[in-house]
Amino acid sequence: MDFPIDAAGWLTAGQHRYRCALGRSGIRADKCEGDGATPTGRLPIRTVLYRADRLERPVTRLPCRPLREIDGWCDDPGDRAYNRPVTRPYPGRHEVLWRDDAVYDIVAVLGWNDDPVVPAAGSAIFLHLARPNYEPTEGCVALARADCLSVLRLAGPESHLVVPGAPLS
């Protein structure tokens, strides 16, 4: 099942529409590291990570595992592990996935710049939980917790987020 997202920040899942937050720089076809844009395209949902200390395993047909305090994601374009999961402590620049806030209580890894990885073409593009006021993300797609769980219930290995090619207005 595909989950289309419109440029106004709404994700459609079957008969339901959910508000979502997108990148602070809008939607871009020419995504690059650090630009704050959500990449356009048909992004496969690769796997789901979740905080087992904060919620039960999400119901989904996707591969799913609990996050660990040592989980990170390399966002250093010059590092050999760029746009890949890493174990912390890690010497290269990386994002910490075990956060104090709830944003990464659920993280669905999206297939962006991962097959093959191109240095500086963008990393750590996730579907994760939205902040209370749907503040823009650094380039990810973010949903309210209940909405994210609903989408994951429908998702399977064939599922994609479909981000439009038109920029946000």
N, C-alpha and C. Protein backbone atom coordinates (compact mmCIF):
# COMPACT_ATOMS: atom_id res chain seq x y z
N MET A 1 0.84 -1.18 0.00
CA MET A 1 0.00 0.00 0.00
C MET A 1 0.88 1.24 0.00
N ASP A 2 0.56 2.18 -0.85
CA ASP A 2 1.24 3.46 -0.88
C ASP A 2 0.49 4.45 0.01
N PHE A 3 1.26 5.34 0.64
CA PHE A 3 0.71 6.38 1.50
C PHE A 3 1.08 7.73 0.90
N PRO A 4 0.20 8.31 0.07
CA PRO A 4 0.51 9.61 -0.54
C PRO A 4 0.50 10.74 0.49
N ILE A 5 1.39 11.68 0.28
CA ILE A 5 1.47 12.89 1.10
C ILE A 5 1.26 14.06 0.16
N ASP A 6 0.41 15.00 0.56
CA ASP A 6 0.24 16.16 -0.31
C ASP A 6 1.12 17.31 0.18
N ALA A 7 1.29 18.30 -0.67
CA ALA A 7 2.19 19.41 -0.36
C ALA A 7 1.71 20.25 0.81
N ALA A 8 0.44 20.11 1.20
CA ALA A 8 -0.09 20.85 2.35
C ALA A 8 0.19 20.14 3.66
N GLY A 9 0.78 18.93 3.62
CA GLY A 9 1.11 18.22 4.84
C GLY A 9 0.04 17.29 5.35
N TRP A 10 -0.57 16.53 4.45
CA TRP A 10 -1.56 15.51 4.81
C TRP A 10 -1.15 14.19 4.19
N LEU A 11 -1.17 13.14 4.99
CA LEU A 11 -0.85 11.79 4.53
C LEU A 11 -2.16 11.01 4.44
N THR A 12 -2.35 10.29 3.34
CA THR A 12 -3.54 9.48 3.14
C THR A 12 -3.17 8.01 3.35
N ALA A 13 -3.97 7.34 4.17
CA ALA A 13 -3.79 5.91 4.44
C ALA A 13 -5.16 5.26 4.31
N GLY A 14 -5.38 4.62 3.17
CA GLY A 14 -6.69 4.04 2.92
C GLY A 14 -7.74 5.14 2.86
N GLN A 15 -8.76 5.05 3.71
CA GLN A 15 -9.84 6.05 3.75
C GLN A 15 -9.54 7.19 4.72
N HIS A 16 -8.40 7.16 5.37
CA HIS A 16 -8.08 8.15 6.40
C HIS A 16 -7.03 9.14 5.92
N ARG A 17 -7.15 10.38 6.41
CA ARG A 17 -6.13 11.42 6.15
C ARG A 17 -5.60 11.89 7.49
N TYR A 18 -4.27 11.99 7.56
CA TYR A 18 -3.63 12.41 8.80
C TYR A 18 -2.73 13.61 8.55
N ARG A 19 -2.81 14.59 9.44
CA ARG A 19 -1.92 15.73 9.36
C ARG A 19 -0.50 15.25 9.62
N CYS A 20 0.45 15.80 8.87
CA CYS A 20 1.85 15.44 9.10
C CYS A 20 2.73 16.69 8.99
N ALA A 21 3.86 16.63 9.66
CA ALA A 21 4.88 17.68 9.56
C ALA A 21 5.90 17.24 8.52
N LEU A 22 6.38 18.20 7.75
CA LEU A 22 7.40 17.94 6.74
C LEU A 22 8.61 18.82 7.04
N GLY A 23 9.62 18.73 6.20
CA GLY A 23 10.86 19.47 6.42
C GLY A 23 10.70 20.97 6.48
N ARG A 24 11.54 21.62 7.28
CA ARG A 24 11.47 23.08 7.46
C ARG A 24 11.73 23.83 6.17
N SER A 25 12.39 23.20 5.21
CA SER A 25 12.67 23.84 3.92
C SER A 25 11.74 23.34 2.82
N GLY A 26 10.65 22.68 3.20
CA GLY A 26 9.68 22.20 2.23
C GLY A 26 10.08 20.87 1.62
N ILE A 27 9.64 20.66 0.40
CA ILE A 27 9.88 19.42 -0.33
C ILE A 27 10.82 19.74 -1.49
N ARG A 28 11.84 18.90 -1.66
CA ARG A 28 12.82 19.16 -2.73
C ARG A 28 13.16 17.87 -3.47
N ALA A 29 13.28 17.99 -4.77
CA ALA A 29 13.75 16.87 -5.59
C ALA A 29 15.26 16.74 -5.50
N ASP A 30 15.95 17.85 -5.22
CA ASP A 30 17.42 17.85 -5.16
C ASP A 30 17.90 17.89 -3.71
N LYS A 31 17.39 17.00 -2.90
CA LYS A 31 17.72 16.89 -1.48
C LYS A 31 19.22 16.79 -1.29
N CYS A 32 19.76 17.51 -0.29
CA CYS A 32 21.16 17.35 0.09
C CYS A 32 21.29 17.45 1.60
N GLU A 33 22.38 16.94 2.11
CA GLU A 33 22.61 16.86 3.56
C GLU A 33 22.47 18.24 4.21
N GLY A 34 21.65 18.29 5.27
CA GLY A 34 21.53 19.49 6.07
C GLY A 34 20.63 20.57 5.53
N ASP A 35 19.96 20.33 4.39
CA ASP A 35 19.12 21.39 3.80
C ASP A 35 17.75 21.52 4.47
N GLY A 36 17.37 20.58 5.33
CA GLY A 36 16.09 20.66 6.03
C GLY A 36 14.88 20.36 5.17
N ALA A 37 15.10 19.77 3.99
CA ALA A 37 14.00 19.47 3.07
C ALA A 37 13.60 18.00 3.14
N THR A 38 12.32 17.76 2.93
CA THR A 38 11.82 16.39 2.76
C THR A 38 12.01 16.03 1.29
N PRO A 39 12.64 14.89 1.02
CA PRO A 39 12.87 14.54 -0.39
C PRO A 39 11.60 14.07 -1.09
N THR A 40 11.46 14.46 -2.34
CA THR A 40 10.35 14.00 -3.15
C THR A 40 10.64 12.58 -3.63
N GLY A 41 9.59 11.81 -3.84
CA GLY A 41 9.78 10.47 -4.38
C GLY A 41 8.87 9.46 -3.73
N ARG A 42 9.07 8.22 -4.15
CA ARG A 42 8.33 7.07 -3.62
C ARG A 42 9.30 6.33 -2.70
N LEU A 43 9.16 6.58 -1.40
CA LEU A 43 10.13 6.13 -0.41
C LEU A 43 9.65 4.85 0.28
N PRO A 44 10.34 3.74 0.07
CA PRO A 44 9.94 2.51 0.76
C PRO A 44 10.13 2.65 2.27
N ILE A 45 9.28 1.96 3.01
CA ILE A 45 9.42 1.92 4.47
C ILE A 45 10.23 0.66 4.78
N ARG A 46 11.46 0.85 5.23
CA ARG A 46 12.39 -0.28 5.38
C ARG A 46 12.17 -1.08 6.67
N THR A 47 12.14 -0.40 7.79
CA THR A 47 12.06 -1.08 9.09
C THR A 47 11.53 -0.10 10.13
N VAL A 48 11.07 -0.63 11.25
CA VAL A 48 10.53 0.19 12.33
C VAL A 48 11.35 -0.05 13.60
N LEU A 49 11.73 1.05 14.24
CA LEU A 49 12.40 1.01 15.54
C LEU A 49 11.47 1.69 16.54
N TYR A 50 11.47 1.22 17.78
CA TYR A 50 10.57 1.80 18.76
C TYR A 50 11.16 1.72 20.16
N ARG A 51 10.72 2.62 21.02
CA ARG A 51 11.17 2.66 22.42
C ARG A 51 10.32 1.69 23.22
N ALA A 52 10.84 0.51 23.49
CA ALA A 52 10.10 -0.52 24.22
C ALA A 52 9.84 -0.12 25.67
N ASP A 53 10.60 0.85 26.19
CA ASP A 53 10.35 1.33 27.54
C ASP A 53 9.19 2.33 27.59
N ARG A 54 8.71 2.75 26.41
CA ARG A 54 7.63 3.75 26.36
C ARG A 54 6.36 3.25 25.67
N LEU A 55 6.46 2.21 24.86
CA LEU A 55 5.27 1.67 24.20
C LEU A 55 5.50 0.22 23.81
N GLU A 56 4.39 -0.46 23.56
CA GLU A 56 4.47 -1.85 23.11
C GLU A 56 4.90 -1.88 21.65
N ARG A 57 5.34 -3.05 21.22
CA ARG A 57 5.74 -3.22 19.82
C ARG A 57 4.59 -2.81 18.91
N PRO A 58 4.86 -1.90 17.95
CA PRO A 58 3.79 -1.53 17.02
C PRO A 58 3.30 -2.73 16.22
N VAL A 59 2.01 -2.76 15.96
CA VAL A 59 1.43 -3.81 15.13
C VAL A 59 1.70 -3.43 13.68
N THR A 60 2.49 -4.24 13.00
CA THR A 60 2.86 -3.97 11.61
C THR A 60 3.41 -5.24 10.98
N ARG A 61 3.37 -5.28 9.65
CA ARG A 61 3.99 -6.39 8.92
C ARG A 61 5.42 -6.06 8.52
N LEU A 62 5.89 -4.86 8.90
CA LEU A 62 7.25 -4.45 8.60
C LEU A 62 8.22 -5.06 9.61
N PRO A 63 9.49 -5.21 9.22
CA PRO A 63 10.49 -5.62 10.22
C PRO A 63 10.50 -4.58 11.35
N CYS A 64 10.62 -5.04 12.57
CA CYS A 64 10.46 -4.15 13.72
C CYS A 64 11.37 -4.63 14.85
N ARG A 65 12.06 -3.68 15.49
CA ARG A 65 12.88 -4.04 16.65
C ARG A 65 12.94 -2.88 17.63
N PRO A 66 13.16 -3.19 18.91
CA PRO A 66 13.28 -2.12 19.90
C PRO A 66 14.56 -1.31 19.68
N LEU A 67 14.48 -0.01 19.94
CA LEU A 67 15.66 0.85 19.95
C LEU A 67 16.49 0.52 21.18
N ARG A 68 17.79 0.77 21.05
CA ARG A 68 18.71 0.61 22.18
C ARG A 68 19.36 1.96 22.45
N GLU A 69 19.81 2.17 23.67
CA GLU A 69 20.45 3.43 24.03
C GLU A 69 21.69 3.69 23.18
N ILE A 70 22.27 2.67 22.62
CA ILE A 70 23.51 2.82 21.83
C ILE A 70 23.26 3.03 20.34
N ASP A 71 21.98 3.13 19.93
CA ASP A 71 21.66 3.29 18.51
C ASP A 71 21.88 4.73 18.05
N GLY A 72 22.52 4.84 16.89
CA GLY A 72 22.72 6.13 16.25
C GLY A 72 22.57 5.98 14.75
N TRP A 73 22.66 7.11 14.03
CA TRP A 73 22.56 7.11 12.57
C TRP A 73 23.59 8.09 12.03
N CYS A 74 24.51 7.62 11.22
CA CYS A 74 25.59 8.46 10.71
C CYS A 74 25.08 9.48 9.69
N ASP A 75 25.37 10.76 9.94
CA ASP A 75 24.98 11.83 9.01
C ASP A 75 26.19 12.62 8.52
N ASP A 76 27.35 12.00 8.59
CA ASP A 76 28.60 12.62 8.15
C ASP A 76 28.93 12.14 6.74
N PRO A 77 28.76 13.02 5.72
CA PRO A 77 28.97 12.59 4.33
C PRO A 77 30.37 12.04 4.05
N GLY A 78 31.36 12.39 4.88
CA GLY A 78 32.71 11.89 4.67
C GLY A 78 33.01 10.58 5.36
N ASP A 79 32.04 10.04 6.08
CA ASP A 79 32.24 8.81 6.84
C ASP A 79 31.81 7.60 6.02
N ARG A 80 32.49 6.49 6.19
CA ARG A 80 32.16 5.26 5.45
C ARG A 80 30.78 4.72 5.82
N ALA A 81 30.26 5.10 6.98
CA ALA A 81 28.94 4.62 7.43
C ALA A 81 27.84 5.64 7.15
N TYR A 82 28.11 6.63 6.29
CA TYR A 82 27.12 7.66 6.00
C TYR A 82 25.77 7.06 5.62
N ASN A 83 24.72 7.61 6.23
CA ASN A 83 23.33 7.19 6.04
C ASN A 83 23.10 5.72 6.38
N ARG A 84 23.78 5.30 7.42
CA ARG A 84 23.63 3.93 7.93
C ARG A 84 23.50 3.97 9.45
N PRO A 85 22.88 2.95 10.03
CA PRO A 85 22.86 2.88 11.50
C PRO A 85 24.27 2.64 12.04
N VAL A 86 24.54 3.20 13.20
CA VAL A 86 25.83 3.01 13.86
C VAL A 86 25.58 2.72 15.33
N THR A 87 26.59 2.16 15.96
CA THR A 87 26.55 1.89 17.40
C THR A 87 27.34 2.98 18.10
N ARG A 88 26.73 3.58 19.10
CA ARG A 88 27.36 4.64 19.88
C ARG A 88 28.12 4.05 21.06
N PRO A 89 29.19 4.66 21.49
CA PRO A 89 29.75 5.88 20.91
C PRO A 89 30.33 5.61 19.53
N TYR A 90 30.23 6.62 18.67
CA TYR A 90 30.71 6.51 17.30
C TYR A 90 31.57 7.74 17.01
N PRO A 91 32.73 7.55 16.41
CA PRO A 91 33.64 8.69 16.22
C PRO A 91 33.16 9.71 15.19
N GLY A 92 32.40 9.29 14.17
CA GLY A 92 31.91 10.23 13.16
C GLY A 92 30.66 10.94 13.62
N ARG A 93 30.32 12.02 12.92
CA ARG A 93 29.10 12.76 13.26
C ARG A 93 27.90 11.85 13.05
N HIS A 94 26.99 11.87 14.02
CA HIS A 94 25.84 10.99 13.96
C HIS A 94 24.69 11.57 14.77
N GLU A 95 23.52 11.07 14.48
CA GLU A 95 22.32 11.42 15.22
C GLU A 95 22.08 10.36 16.28
N VAL A 96 21.68 10.79 17.47
CA VAL A 96 21.33 9.88 18.57
C VAL A 96 19.87 9.51 18.40
N LEU A 97 19.58 8.21 18.33
CA LEU A 97 18.20 7.77 18.14
C LEU A 97 17.44 7.61 19.46
N TRP A 98 18.17 7.39 20.55
CA TRP A 98 17.55 7.25 21.88
C TRP A 98 17.48 8.66 22.47
N ARG A 99 16.32 9.30 22.32
CA ARG A 99 16.16 10.71 22.70
C ARG A 99 15.36 10.87 23.97
N ASP A 100 15.56 12.00 24.63
CA ASP A 100 14.80 12.30 25.84
C ASP A 100 13.35 12.69 25.50
N ASP A 101 13.16 13.36 24.36
CA ASP A 101 11.79 13.70 23.96
C ASP A 101 11.15 12.48 23.29
N ALA A 102 9.91 12.61 22.88
CA ALA A 102 9.17 11.47 22.32
C ALA A 102 9.27 11.35 20.81
N VAL A 103 9.96 12.25 20.14
CA VAL A 103 9.98 12.30 18.68
C VAL A 103 10.40 10.98 18.05
N TYR A 104 11.38 10.31 18.64
CA TYR A 104 11.86 9.04 18.10
C TYR A 104 11.36 7.83 18.89
N ASP A 105 10.26 7.96 19.59
CA ASP A 105 9.68 6.78 20.25
C ASP A 105 9.28 5.75 19.20
N ILE A 106 8.93 6.22 18.00
CA ILE A 106 8.70 5.35 16.84
C ILE A 106 9.47 5.97 15.69
N VAL A 107 10.30 5.16 15.05
CA VAL A 107 11.09 5.60 13.90
C VAL A 107 10.94 4.56 12.80
N ALA A 108 10.33 4.95 11.69
CA ALA A 108 10.28 4.06 10.53
C ALA A 108 11.34 4.58 9.55
N VAL A 109 12.32 3.76 9.28
CA VAL A 109 13.41 4.14 8.39
C VAL A 109 12.90 4.11 6.95
N LEU A 110 13.05 5.24 6.26
CA LEU A 110 12.60 5.34 4.87
C LEU A 110 13.77 5.12 3.92
N GLY A 111 13.46 4.52 2.79
CA GLY A 111 14.49 4.24 1.79
C GLY A 111 14.83 5.47 0.98
N TRP A 112 15.68 6.31 1.53
CA TRP A 112 16.18 7.49 0.82
C TRP A 112 17.71 7.43 0.82
N ASN A 113 18.30 7.54 -0.35
CA ASN A 113 19.75 7.57 -0.50
C ASN A 113 20.42 6.38 0.19
N ASP A 114 19.84 5.21 0.00
CA ASP A 114 20.41 4.03 0.66
C ASP A 114 20.76 2.89 -0.29
N ASP A 115 20.45 3.03 -1.57
CA ASP A 115 20.70 1.93 -2.50
C ASP A 115 20.97 2.45 -3.91
N PRO A 116 22.16 2.97 -4.17
CA PRO A 116 23.34 3.08 -3.30
C PRO A 116 23.32 4.39 -2.51
N VAL A 117 24.20 4.46 -1.51
CA VAL A 117 24.38 5.69 -0.74
C VAL A 117 25.27 6.63 -1.55
N VAL A 118 24.82 7.87 -1.69
CA VAL A 118 25.60 8.91 -2.36
C VAL A 118 25.98 9.94 -1.31
N PRO A 119 27.28 10.16 -1.08
CA PRO A 119 27.70 11.14 -0.06
C PRO A 119 27.03 12.50 -0.27
N ALA A 120 26.52 13.07 0.81
CA ALA A 120 25.92 14.39 0.88
C ALA A 120 24.54 14.50 0.22
N ALA A 121 23.94 13.39 -0.21
CA ALA A 121 22.62 13.44 -0.84
C ALA A 121 21.47 13.32 0.17
N GLY A 122 21.79 13.37 1.46
CA GLY A 122 20.76 13.32 2.49
C GLY A 122 20.78 12.02 3.27
N SER A 123 20.55 12.14 4.57
CA SER A 123 20.59 10.96 5.44
C SER A 123 19.50 11.06 6.51
N ALA A 124 19.27 9.93 7.15
CA ALA A 124 18.35 9.85 8.30
C ALA A 124 16.96 10.41 7.96
N ILE A 125 16.41 9.96 6.84
CA ILE A 125 15.04 10.36 6.47
C ILE A 125 14.10 9.30 7.05
N PHE A 126 13.32 9.72 8.02
CA PHE A 126 12.47 8.82 8.79
C PHE A 126 11.01 9.29 8.77
N LEU A 127 10.13 8.35 9.09
CA LEU A 127 8.78 8.65 9.53
C LEU A 127 8.86 8.54 11.04
N HIS A 128 8.55 9.61 11.76
CA HIS A 128 8.64 9.58 13.21
C HIS A 128 7.49 10.37 13.81
N LEU A 129 7.54 10.57 15.11
CA LEU A 129 6.44 11.24 15.80
C LEU A 129 6.57 12.76 15.72
N ALA A 130 5.45 13.42 15.55
CA ALA A 130 5.42 14.88 15.44
C ALA A 130 5.53 15.53 16.81
N ARG A 131 6.10 16.71 16.79
CA ARG A 131 6.08 17.55 18.00
C ARG A 131 4.64 18.04 18.18
N PRO A 132 4.30 18.53 19.37
CA PRO A 132 2.90 18.90 19.65
C PRO A 132 2.26 19.84 18.64
N ASN A 133 2.96 20.82 18.12
CA ASN A 133 2.37 21.78 17.19
C ASN A 133 2.73 21.49 15.74
N TYR A 134 3.15 20.25 15.45
CA TYR A 134 3.55 19.85 14.10
C TYR A 134 4.63 20.77 13.55
N GLU A 135 5.58 21.11 14.43
CA GLU A 135 6.70 21.94 13.99
C GLU A 135 7.42 21.20 12.87
N PRO A 136 7.99 21.95 11.91
CA PRO A 136 8.70 21.31 10.80
C PRO A 136 9.86 20.43 11.28
N THR A 137 10.17 19.44 10.49
CA THR A 137 11.26 18.51 10.79
C THR A 137 12.54 18.96 10.09
N GLU A 138 13.59 18.17 10.26
CA GLU A 138 14.86 18.42 9.56
C GLU A 138 14.84 17.80 8.15
N GLY A 139 13.72 17.22 7.75
CA GLY A 139 13.59 16.60 6.44
C GLY A 139 12.76 15.33 6.47
N CYS A 140 12.35 14.94 7.66
CA CYS A 140 11.55 13.73 7.82
C CYS A 140 10.07 14.04 7.65
N VAL A 141 9.25 12.99 7.79
CA VAL A 141 7.80 13.09 7.83
C VAL A 141 7.40 12.70 9.25
N ALA A 142 6.55 13.51 9.91
CA ALA A 142 6.19 13.24 11.30
C ALA A 142 4.68 13.26 11.48
N LEU A 143 4.19 12.29 12.23
CA LEU A 143 2.77 12.12 12.51
C LEU A 143 2.54 12.08 14.02
N ALA A 144 1.31 12.38 14.44
CA ALA A 144 0.92 12.16 15.83
C ALA A 144 1.06 10.66 16.14
N ARG A 145 1.32 10.34 17.38
CA ARG A 145 1.57 8.95 17.78
C ARG A 145 0.47 8.00 17.33
N ALA A 146 -0.78 8.32 17.64
CA ALA A 146 -1.89 7.43 17.27
C ALA A 146 -1.98 7.27 15.75
N ASP A 147 -1.74 8.35 15.02
CA ASP A 147 -1.79 8.29 13.56
C ASP A 147 -0.65 7.44 13.00
N CYS A 148 0.53 7.60 13.56
CA CYS A 148 1.67 6.80 13.12
C CYS A 148 1.40 5.31 13.36
N LEU A 149 0.87 4.97 14.52
CA LEU A 149 0.53 3.58 14.80
C LEU A 149 -0.52 3.05 13.84
N SER A 150 -1.49 3.88 13.46
CA SER A 150 -2.53 3.47 12.49
C SER A 150 -1.91 3.19 11.13
N VAL A 151 -1.03 4.06 10.68
CA VAL A 151 -0.35 3.87 9.39
C VAL A 151 0.49 2.59 9.42
N LEU A 152 1.24 2.38 10.50
CA LEU A 152 2.08 1.19 10.59
C LEU A 152 1.25 -0.09 10.60
N ARG A 153 0.04 -0.05 11.16
CA ARG A 153 -0.84 -1.24 11.13
C ARG A 153 -1.17 -1.64 9.70
N LEU A 154 -1.28 -0.65 8.81
CA LEU A 154 -1.59 -0.92 7.40
C LEU A 154 -0.36 -1.26 6.57
N ALA A 155 0.81 -0.91 7.06
CA ALA A 155 2.04 -1.00 6.28
C ALA A 155 2.63 -2.40 6.28
N GLY A 156 3.27 -2.71 5.14
CA GLY A 156 4.00 -3.96 5.00
C GLY A 156 5.23 -3.72 4.15
N PRO A 157 5.96 -4.78 3.84
CA PRO A 157 7.20 -4.64 3.08
C PRO A 157 7.04 -3.97 1.71
N GLU A 158 5.83 -3.97 1.18
CA GLU A 158 5.57 -3.35 -0.13
C GLU A 158 5.18 -1.88 -0.02
N SER A 159 5.10 -1.34 1.18
CA SER A 159 4.58 0.01 1.41
C SER A 159 5.61 1.11 1.14
N HIS A 160 5.09 2.26 0.68
CA HIS A 160 5.91 3.43 0.39
C HIS A 160 5.19 4.69 0.86
N LEU A 161 5.96 5.69 1.28
CA LEU A 161 5.44 7.04 1.41
C LEU A 161 5.67 7.69 0.06
N VAL A 162 4.68 8.36 -0.46
CA VAL A 162 4.81 9.01 -1.77
C VAL A 162 4.76 10.53 -1.54
N VAL A 163 5.93 11.16 -1.69
CA VAL A 163 6.07 12.60 -1.47
C VAL A 163 6.00 13.29 -2.82
N PRO A 164 5.13 14.31 -2.96
CA PRO A 164 4.93 14.95 -4.26
C PRO A 164 6.17 15.67 -4.76
N GLY A 165 6.20 15.87 -6.08
CA GLY A 165 7.32 16.57 -6.68
C GLY A 165 7.23 18.07 -6.60
N ALA A 166 6.05 18.59 -6.28
CA ALA A 166 5.88 20.04 -6.20
C ALA A 166 6.32 20.54 -4.83
N PRO A 167 6.97 21.68 -4.77
CA PRO A 167 7.39 22.22 -3.47
C PRO A 167 6.21 22.72 -2.67
N LEU A 168 6.42 22.85 -1.34
CA LEU A 168 5.38 23.44 -0.50
C LEU A 168 5.21 24.89 -0.89
N SER A 169 3.98 25.38 -0.84
CA SER A 169 3.77 26.80 -1.15
C SER A 169 3.55 27.60 0.11
